[in-house]
Structure formats: structure tokens, C-alpha cells
Amino acid sequence: MSAKHALLGLLLGQRAYRYQLGDRLEERLGPGWKLNSGQLYRTCQRLEHDGLIQRVDTAKDDQDERHVFSATVAGAEDYDGWFRERTSRPRIVRRPLLAKITLAGPGRLVDTLEEIDRCEQECVAELREYLHRRDAIPLGGLRVRADHVLLRLNLSADILHLEAELNVIRLAREQVTWLLGQNAVWPPSQESRLLPPADARSG
């Protein structure tokens, strides 16, 4: 899902200043949906250019942050069209860490262990943050708040993803450590990285 339809969905529910949209997106869907100011500005600018959102009150000055936006009829139709589309199937994640390990070659493989450690530390820290955010959402009371339940759903999905990534990182360490202890045969293209330049060998 693109930020375009997430912002349209928010504006269909309630008008907002542009800066409010970033906060509401994170409040409703979790920190994984956080947009920086540049991304937010460009997305709103494109939505306005395409006639999907409009300014509904005129500020006394030209500062963009002071304008309130609302979805247009065309924006509602675009959102409805997206909502009716079949959700795309899950995709395999491309993991830069595994690509780096796989293409490191025998001369650099040991160096990937430091990268693995750094990735593990960052993943653990992020996982703790998401767990804290999820567990801080109240679920009690006389009336159940739908937005709280659905935010917990989004955060729980992110937690499952982070736990899976942590397992991959730890598996990578296990496999790299094991491989470093073996007398392994490497593809010629990777073995050649250990050789000095041709002119040095000829001398």
C-alpha cells in the first residue's frame, strides 16, 4: 500500500492540516508508516495536483502548513477503487545483509560477523520499542475503541516481522561461523578476489 491511499483514507474520515496527517498515520498504523516531512509534502502535493485532495480553508498567508486539506469526490472514487482491488500476494523480502554475506567471498566473510552483530542489536532495540508501544495501548473500559484494537493489530504484525528478521540474523551468524570453520570450495569469481593483481603476479 502506498502512502497515497493511506493519506486519502485519513482525509476521507477527517479534514487535516498536512503536518497532522503524518502524526495520524503513525497513530493509526504504527511507526512503520512514519513519513518524513519531505515525503509528506511530496505526496500531498501530488494528491492535490491530481485533484484527489483540496484545500478547504484559505490561510491568511501562503504557508502550506496552515492549509486544511480534505479528500475530493475524485479522491473518494480513487480510494474506493483501490479498496476493491485484490490485495497483492505476500512477497519475498530482499535482505541486504544476506546479499552481502553471500557475495562477500572467502576474504571478507569473517568481516560480515561484525555486520551481523550490529544488525542484531538494532533489530532487538526496534523489537523492544514496538513491544512497548503495543503493550501501552489500553484495551479495557466500557466501550472498545476500534482504533486501539486495529493499531495493536498493525503493531503485532510488525513485531512478528521483526522477530522473523531476528531469527534470520541469528541463523546467518550460525551459518557463517560454521562455514568459516570448513575447508570450503568457493566459486572461481570469488576465489579470484584473494589473488594479487595480474601485473604483480607477473613480476
C-alpha atoms as a PDB file:
ATOM      1  CA  MET A   1       0.000   0.000   0.000  1.00  0.00           C
ATOM      2  CA  SER A   2       1.326   3.415  -0.925  1.00  0.00           C
ATOM      3  CA  ALA A   3       1.267   6.490   1.284  1.00  0.00           C
ATOM      4  CA  LYS A   4      -1.127   7.988  -1.257  1.00  0.00           C
ATOM      5  CA  HIS A   5      -4.057   5.778  -0.319  1.00  0.00           C
ATOM      6  CA  ALA A   6      -3.215   5.821   3.386  1.00  0.00           C
ATOM      7  CA  LEU A   7      -3.443   9.625   3.388  1.00  0.00           C
ATOM      8  CA  LEU A   8      -6.606   9.553   1.285  1.00  0.00           C
ATOM      9  CA  GLY A   9      -8.183   7.164   3.785  1.00  0.00           C
ATOM     10  CA  LEU A  10      -7.357   9.525   6.639  1.00  0.00           C
ATOM     11  CA  LEU A  11      -8.735  12.571   4.821  1.00  0.00           C
ATOM     12  CA  LEU A  12     -11.952  10.765   3.936  1.00  0.00           C
ATOM     13  CA  GLY A  13     -12.519  10.372   7.659  1.00  0.00           C
ATOM     14  CA  GLN A  14     -11.480  13.844   8.786  1.00  0.00           C
ATOM     15  CA  ARG A  15     -10.033  17.044   7.375  1.00  0.00           C
ATOM     16  CA  ALA A  16      -6.499  17.823   8.479  1.00  0.00           C
ATOM     17  CA  TYR A  17      -3.510  20.081   8.184  1.00  0.00           C
ATOM     18  CA  ARG A  18      -0.714  18.398   6.316  1.00  0.00           C
ATOM     19  CA  TYR A  19       1.505  18.139   9.384  1.00  0.00           C
ATOM     20  CA  GLN A  20      -1.363  16.404  11.233  1.00  0.00           C
ATOM     21  CA  LEU A  21      -1.545  13.693   8.597  1.00  0.00           C
ATOM     22  CA  GLY A  22       1.912  12.360   9.424  1.00  0.00           C
ATOM     23  CA  ASP A  23       1.061  12.106  13.110  1.00  0.00           C
ATOM     24  CA  ARG A  24      -2.303  10.462  12.439  1.00  0.00           C
ATOM     25  CA  LEU A  25      -0.770   7.951  10.052  1.00  0.00           C
ATOM     26  CA  GLU A  26       1.642   6.802  12.733  1.00  0.00           C
ATOM     27  CA  GLU A  27      -1.102   6.836  15.399  1.00  0.00           C
ATOM     28  CA  ARG A  28      -3.386   4.628  13.314  1.00  0.00           C
ATOM     29  CA  LEU A  29      -0.921   2.261  11.622  1.00  0.00           C
ATOM     30  CA  GLY A  30       2.207   2.352  13.792  1.00  0.00           C
ATOM     31  CA  PRO A  31       5.756   3.714  13.423  1.00  0.00           C
ATOM     32  CA  GLY A  32       6.427   1.600  10.358  1.00  0.00           C
ATOM     33  CA  TRP A  33       4.268   4.110   8.454  1.00  0.00           C
ATOM     34  CA  LYS A  34       6.113   7.203   9.634  1.00  0.00           C
ATOM     35  CA  LEU A  35       6.720   9.722   6.827  1.00  0.00           C
ATOM     36  CA  ASN A  36       9.349  12.411   6.986  1.00  0.00           C
ATOM     37  CA  SER A  37       8.311  15.971   6.153  1.00  0.00           C
ATOM     38  CA  GLY A  38       9.666  15.725   2.612  1.00  0.00           C
ATOM     39  CA  GLN A  39       7.726  12.542   1.815  1.00  0.00           C
ATOM     40  CA  LEU A  40       4.571  14.022   3.317  1.00  0.00           C
ATOM     41  CA  TYR A  41       4.952  17.263   1.358  1.00  0.00           C
ATOM     42  CA  ARG A  42       5.566  15.497  -1.969  1.00  0.00           C
ATOM     43  CA  THR A  43       2.671  13.069  -1.501  1.00  0.00           C
ATOM     44  CA  CYS A  44       0.203  15.825  -0.600  1.00  0.00           C
ATOM     45  CA  GLN A  45       1.465  17.956  -3.460  1.00  0.00           C
ATOM     46  CA  ARG A  46       0.915  15.091  -5.906  1.00  0.00           C
ATOM     47  CA  LEU A  47      -2.541  14.337  -4.493  1.00  0.00           C
ATOM     48  CA  GLU A  48      -3.536  17.980  -4.820  1.00  0.00           C
ATOM     49  CA  HIS A  49      -2.124  18.212  -8.350  1.00  0.00           C
ATOM     50  CA  ASP A  50      -4.125  15.124  -9.344  1.00  0.00           C
ATOM     51  CA  GLY A  51      -7.322  16.607  -7.905  1.00  0.00           C
ATOM     52  CA  LEU A  52      -7.671  13.941  -5.216  1.00  0.00           C
ATOM     53  CA  ILE A  53      -7.433  16.358  -2.279  1.00  0.00           C
ATOM     54  CA  GLN A  54      -8.163  20.067  -1.976  1.00  0.00           C
ATOM     55  CA  ARG A  55      -7.573  22.967   0.386  1.00  0.00           C
ATOM     56  CA  VAL A  56     -10.821  23.686   2.185  1.00  0.00           C
ATOM     57  CA  ASP A  57      -9.943  26.874   4.007  1.00  0.00           C
ATOM     58  CA  THR A  58      -7.740  29.722   2.949  1.00  0.00           C
ATOM     59  CA  ALA A  59      -4.961  30.694   5.275  1.00  0.00           C
ATOM     60  CA  LYS A  60      -4.134  34.335   5.850  1.00  0.00           C
ATOM     61  CA  ASP A  61      -0.678  33.725   4.434  1.00  0.00           C
ATOM     62  CA  ASP A  62       0.846  31.372   1.895  1.00  0.00           C
ATOM     63  CA  GLN A  63       2.454  28.994   4.364  1.00  0.00           C
ATOM     64  CA  ASP A  64       1.492  25.496   3.230  1.00  0.00           C
ATOM     65  CA  GLU A  65       1.379  24.153   6.780  1.00  0.00           C
ATOM     66  CA  ARG A  66      -1.577  26.435   7.576  1.00  0.00           C
ATOM     67  CA  HIS A  67      -3.903  24.961   4.952  1.00  0.00           C
ATOM     68  CA  VAL A  68      -6.519  22.340   5.836  1.00  0.00           C
ATOM     69  CA  PHE A  69      -6.975  19.553   3.299  1.00  0.00           C
ATOM     70  CA  SER A  70      -9.937  17.342   2.517  1.00  0.00           C
ATOM     71  CA  ALA A  71     -10.463  14.498   0.046  1.00  0.00           C
ATOM     72  CA  THR A  72     -12.363  15.393  -3.130  1.00  0.00           C
ATOM     73  CA  VAL A  73     -15.042  13.327  -4.873  1.00  0.00           C
ATOM     74  CA  ALA A  74     -12.330  12.118  -7.258  1.00  0.00           C
ATOM     75  CA  GLY A  75     -10.181  11.202  -4.244  1.00  0.00           C
ATOM     76  CA  ALA A  76     -13.022   9.182  -2.720  1.00  0.00           C
ATOM     77  CA  GLU A  77     -13.521   7.346  -6.020  1.00  0.00           C
ATOM     78  CA  ASP A  78      -9.790   6.631  -6.301  1.00  0.00           C
ATOM     79  CA  TYR A  79      -9.733   5.307  -2.736  1.00  0.00           C
ATOM     80  CA  ASP A  80     -12.806   3.125  -3.349  1.00  0.00           C
ATOM     81  CA  GLY A  81     -11.150   1.720  -6.470  1.00  0.00           C
ATOM     82  CA  TRP A  82      -8.014   0.874  -4.514  1.00  0.00           C
ATOM     83  CA  PHE A  83     -10.072  -0.674  -1.694  1.00  0.00           C
ATOM     84  CA  ARG A  84     -11.856  -3.002  -4.142  1.00  0.00           C
ATOM     85  CA  GLU A  85      -8.597  -4.158  -5.716  1.00  0.00           C
ATOM     86  CA  ARG A  86      -7.369  -7.591  -4.801  1.00  0.00           C
ATOM     87  CA  THR A  87      -4.651  -7.370  -2.148  1.00  0.00           C
ATOM     88  CA  SER A  88      -1.293  -8.341  -3.634  1.00  0.00           C
ATOM     89  CA  ARG A  89       0.193 -11.644  -2.561  1.00  0.00           C
ATOM     90  CA  PRO A  90       2.976 -11.654   0.044  1.00  0.00           C
ATOM     91  CA  ARG A  91       6.374 -11.011  -1.472  1.00  0.00           C
ATOM     92  CA  ILE A  92       9.718 -12.445  -0.529  1.00  0.00           C
ATOM     93  CA  VAL A  93      11.838  -9.795   1.197  1.00  0.00           C
ATOM     94  CA  ARG A  94      15.205  -8.896  -0.291  1.00  0.00           C
ATOM     95  CA  ARG A  95      17.653  -8.863   2.598  1.00  0.00           C
ATOM     96  CA  PRO A  96      20.771  -6.725   2.010  1.00  0.00           C
ATOM     97  CA  LEU A  97      22.574  -8.460   4.880  1.00  0.00           C
ATOM     98  CA  LEU A  98      22.217 -11.882   3.246  1.00  0.00           C
ATOM     99  CA  ALA A  99      23.274 -10.478  -0.124  1.00  0.00           C
ATOM    100  CA  LYS A 100      26.396  -9.010   1.488  1.00  0.00           C
ATOM    101  CA  ILE A 101      27.191 -12.334   3.168  1.00  0.00           C
ATOM    102  CA  THR A 102      26.574 -14.350   0.020  1.00  0.00           C
ATOM    103  CA  LEU A 103      28.752 -12.132  -2.169  1.00  0.00           C
ATOM    104  CA  ALA A 104      31.481 -11.453   0.394  1.00  0.00           C
ATOM    105  CA  GLY A 105      33.853 -14.168  -0.789  1.00  0.00           C
ATOM    106  CA  PRO A 106      36.283 -16.044   1.439  1.00  0.00           C
ATOM    107  CA  GLY A 107      38.444 -12.987   2.106  1.00  0.00           C
ATOM    108  CA  ARG A 108      35.631 -10.882   3.501  1.00  0.00           C
ATOM    109  CA  LEU A 109      33.322 -13.444   5.050  1.00  0.00           C
ATOM    110  CA  VAL A 110      34.742 -13.024   8.539  1.00  0.00           C
ATOM    111  CA  ASP A 111      34.067  -9.271   8.314  1.00  0.00           C
ATOM    112  CA  THR A 112      30.339  -9.950   7.940  1.00  0.00           C
ATOM    113  CA  LEU A 113      30.174 -11.187  11.533  1.00  0.00           C
ATOM    114  CA  GLU A 114      30.570  -7.614  12.770  1.00  0.00           C
ATOM    115  CA  GLU A 115      27.740  -6.516  10.466  1.00  0.00           C
ATOM    116  CA  ILE A 116      25.584  -9.375  11.740  1.00  0.00           C
ATOM    117  CA  ASP A 117      26.172  -8.278  15.345  1.00  0.00           C
ATOM    118  CA  ARG A 118      25.217  -4.680  14.514  1.00  0.00           C
ATOM    119  CA  CYS A 119      22.042  -5.788  12.717  1.00  0.00           C
ATOM    120  CA  GLU A 120      21.062  -7.988  15.648  1.00  0.00           C
ATOM    121  CA  GLN A 121      21.487  -5.151  18.156  1.00  0.00           C
ATOM    122  CA  GLU A 122      19.403  -2.769  16.037  1.00  0.00           C
ATOM    123  CA  CYS A 123      16.693  -5.374  15.471  1.00  0.00           C
ATOM    124  CA  VAL A 124      16.460  -6.171  19.191  1.00  0.00           C
ATOM    125  CA  ALA A 125      16.198  -2.470  20.058  1.00  0.00           C
ATOM    126  CA  GLU A 126      13.470  -1.911  17.478  1.00  0.00           C
ATOM    127  CA  LEU A 127      11.596  -5.009  18.613  1.00  0.00           C
ATOM    128  CA  ARG A 128      11.605  -3.749  22.207  1.00  0.00           C
ATOM    129  CA  GLU A 129      10.262  -0.373  21.056  1.00  0.00           C
ATOM    130  CA  TYR A 130       7.382  -1.971  19.139  1.00  0.00           C
ATOM    131  CA  LEU A 131       6.533  -4.281  22.037  1.00  0.00           C
ATOM    132  CA  HIS A 132       6.485  -1.278  24.387  1.00  0.00           C
ATOM    133  CA  ARG A 133       4.205   0.686  22.050  1.00  0.00           C
ATOM    134  CA  ARG A 134       1.808  -2.206  21.634  1.00  0.00           C
ATOM    135  CA  ASP A 135       1.620  -3.041  25.327  1.00  0.00           C
ATOM    136  CA  ALA A 136       0.974   0.619  26.194  1.00  0.00           C
ATOM    137  CA  ILE A 137      -2.291   0.658  24.213  1.00  0.00           C
ATOM    138  CA  PRO A 138      -5.260   0.322  26.606  1.00  0.00           C
ATOM    139  CA  LEU A 139      -7.892  -2.246  25.732  1.00  0.00           C
ATOM    140  CA  GLY A 140     -10.144  -2.072  28.806  1.00  0.00           C
ATOM    141  CA  GLY A 141     -13.125   0.132  29.525  1.00  0.00           C
ATOM    142  CA  LEU A 142     -16.838   0.028  28.958  1.00  0.00           C
ATOM    143  CA  ARG A 143     -16.512   0.539  25.220  1.00  0.00           C
ATOM    144  CA  VAL A 144     -13.863  -0.983  22.993  1.00  0.00           C
ATOM    145  CA  ARG A 145     -12.015   1.532  20.853  1.00  0.00           C
ATOM    146  CA  ALA A 146     -11.706   0.159  17.342  1.00  0.00           C
ATOM    147  CA  ASP A 147      -8.673   2.311  16.549  1.00  0.00           C
ATOM    148  CA  HIS A 148      -6.814   0.845  19.551  1.00  0.00           C
ATOM    149  CA  VAL A 149      -7.597  -2.728  18.518  1.00  0.00           C
ATOM    150  CA  LEU A 150      -6.536  -2.089  14.927  1.00  0.00           C
ATOM    151  CA  LEU A 151      -3.351  -0.289  15.959  1.00  0.00           C
ATOM    152  CA  ARG A 152      -2.459  -3.290  18.124  1.00  0.00           C
ATOM    153  CA  LEU A 153      -3.070  -5.481  15.067  1.00  0.00           C
ATOM    154  CA  ASN A 154      -0.640  -3.411  12.985  1.00  0.00           C
ATOM    155  CA  LEU A 155       1.980  -3.325  15.730  1.00  0.00           C
ATOM    156  CA  SER A 156       1.626  -7.075  16.346  1.00  0.00           C
ATOM    157  CA  ALA A 157       2.193  -7.723  12.632  1.00  0.00           C
ATOM    158  CA  ASP A 158       5.332  -5.556  12.736  1.00  0.00           C
ATOM    159  CA  ILE A 159       6.512  -7.435  15.830  1.00  0.00           C
ATOM    160  CA  LEU A 160       6.106 -10.777  14.061  1.00  0.00           C
ATOM    161  CA  HIS A 161       8.117  -9.411  11.147  1.00  0.00           C
ATOM    162  CA  LEU A 162      10.902  -8.168  13.434  1.00  0.00           C
ATOM    163  CA  GLU A 163      11.004 -11.498  15.278  1.00  0.00           C
ATOM    164  CA  ALA A 164      11.355 -13.287  11.941  1.00  0.00           C
ATOM    165  CA  GLU A 165      14.164 -10.925  10.905  1.00  0.00           C
ATOM    166  CA  LEU A 166      15.924 -11.557  14.208  1.00  0.00           C
ATOM    167  CA  ASN A 167      15.734 -15.312  13.572  1.00  0.00           C
ATOM    168  CA  VAL A 168      17.217 -14.794  10.096  1.00  0.00           C
ATOM    169  CA  ILE A 169      20.074 -12.710  11.510  1.00  0.00           C
ATOM    170  CA  ARG A 170      20.868 -15.356  14.119  1.00  0.00           C
ATOM    171  CA  LEU A 171      20.682 -18.109  11.520  1.00  0.00           C
ATOM    172  CA  ALA A 172      23.094 -16.116   9.366  1.00  0.00           C
ATOM    173  CA  ARG A 173      25.600 -15.904  12.232  1.00  0.00           C
ATOM    174  CA  GLU A 174      25.315 -19.638  12.826  1.00  0.00           C
ATOM    175  CA  GLN A 175      25.882 -20.476   9.157  1.00  0.00           C
ATOM    176  CA  VAL A 176      28.743 -18.001   8.642  1.00  0.00           C
ATOM    177  CA  THR A 177      30.508 -19.208  11.795  1.00  0.00           C
ATOM    178  CA  TRP A 178      30.148 -22.807  10.660  1.00  0.00           C
ATOM    179  CA  LEU A 179      31.356 -22.045   7.126  1.00  0.00           C
ATOM    180  CA  LEU A 180      34.434 -20.227   8.415  1.00  0.00           C
ATOM    181  CA  GLY A 181      35.461 -23.454  10.144  1.00  0.00           C
ATOM    182  CA  GLN A 182      35.237 -25.518   6.957  1.00  0.00           C
ATOM    183  CA  ASN A 183      37.683 -26.131   4.135  1.00  0.00           C
ATOM    184  CA  ALA A 184      35.122 -24.824   1.668  1.00  0.00           C
ATOM    185  CA  VAL A 185      35.345 -24.608  -2.115  1.00  0.00           C
ATOM    186  CA  TRP A 186      34.379 -21.187  -3.484  1.00  0.00           C
ATOM    187  CA  PRO A 187      33.187 -20.204  -6.955  1.00  0.00           C
ATOM    188  CA  PRO A 188      36.099 -19.064  -9.154  1.00  0.00           C
ATOM    189  CA  SER A 189      34.805 -15.487  -9.303  1.00  0.00           C
ATOM    190  CA  GLN A 190      35.046 -15.230  -5.514  1.00  0.00           C
ATOM    191  CA  GLU A 191      38.299 -17.135  -5.171  1.00  0.00           C
ATOM    192  CA  SER A 192      39.967 -14.710  -7.574  1.00  0.00           C
ATOM    193  CA  ARG A 193      39.484 -11.875  -5.094  1.00  0.00           C
ATOM    194  CA  LEU A 194      42.253 -13.404  -2.990  1.00  0.00           C
ATOM    195  CA  LEU A 195      44.786 -13.186  -5.826  1.00  0.00           C
ATOM    196  CA  PRO A 196      47.032 -10.143  -6.293  1.00  0.00           C
ATOM    197  CA  PRO A 197      46.683  -8.069  -9.477  1.00  0.00           C
ATOM    198  CA  ALA A 198      47.992  -9.708 -12.664  1.00  0.00           C
ATOM    199  CA  ASP A 199      50.922  -7.254 -13.055  1.00  0.00           C
ATOM    200  CA  ALA A 200      52.073  -8.006  -9.501  1.00  0.00           C
ATOM    201  CA  ARG A 201      51.997 -11.758 -10.173  1.00  0.00           C
ATOM    202  CA  SER A 202      53.970 -11.430 -13.395  1.00  0.00           C
ATOM    203  CA  GLY A 203      56.796  -9.615 -11.596  1.00  0.00           C
END
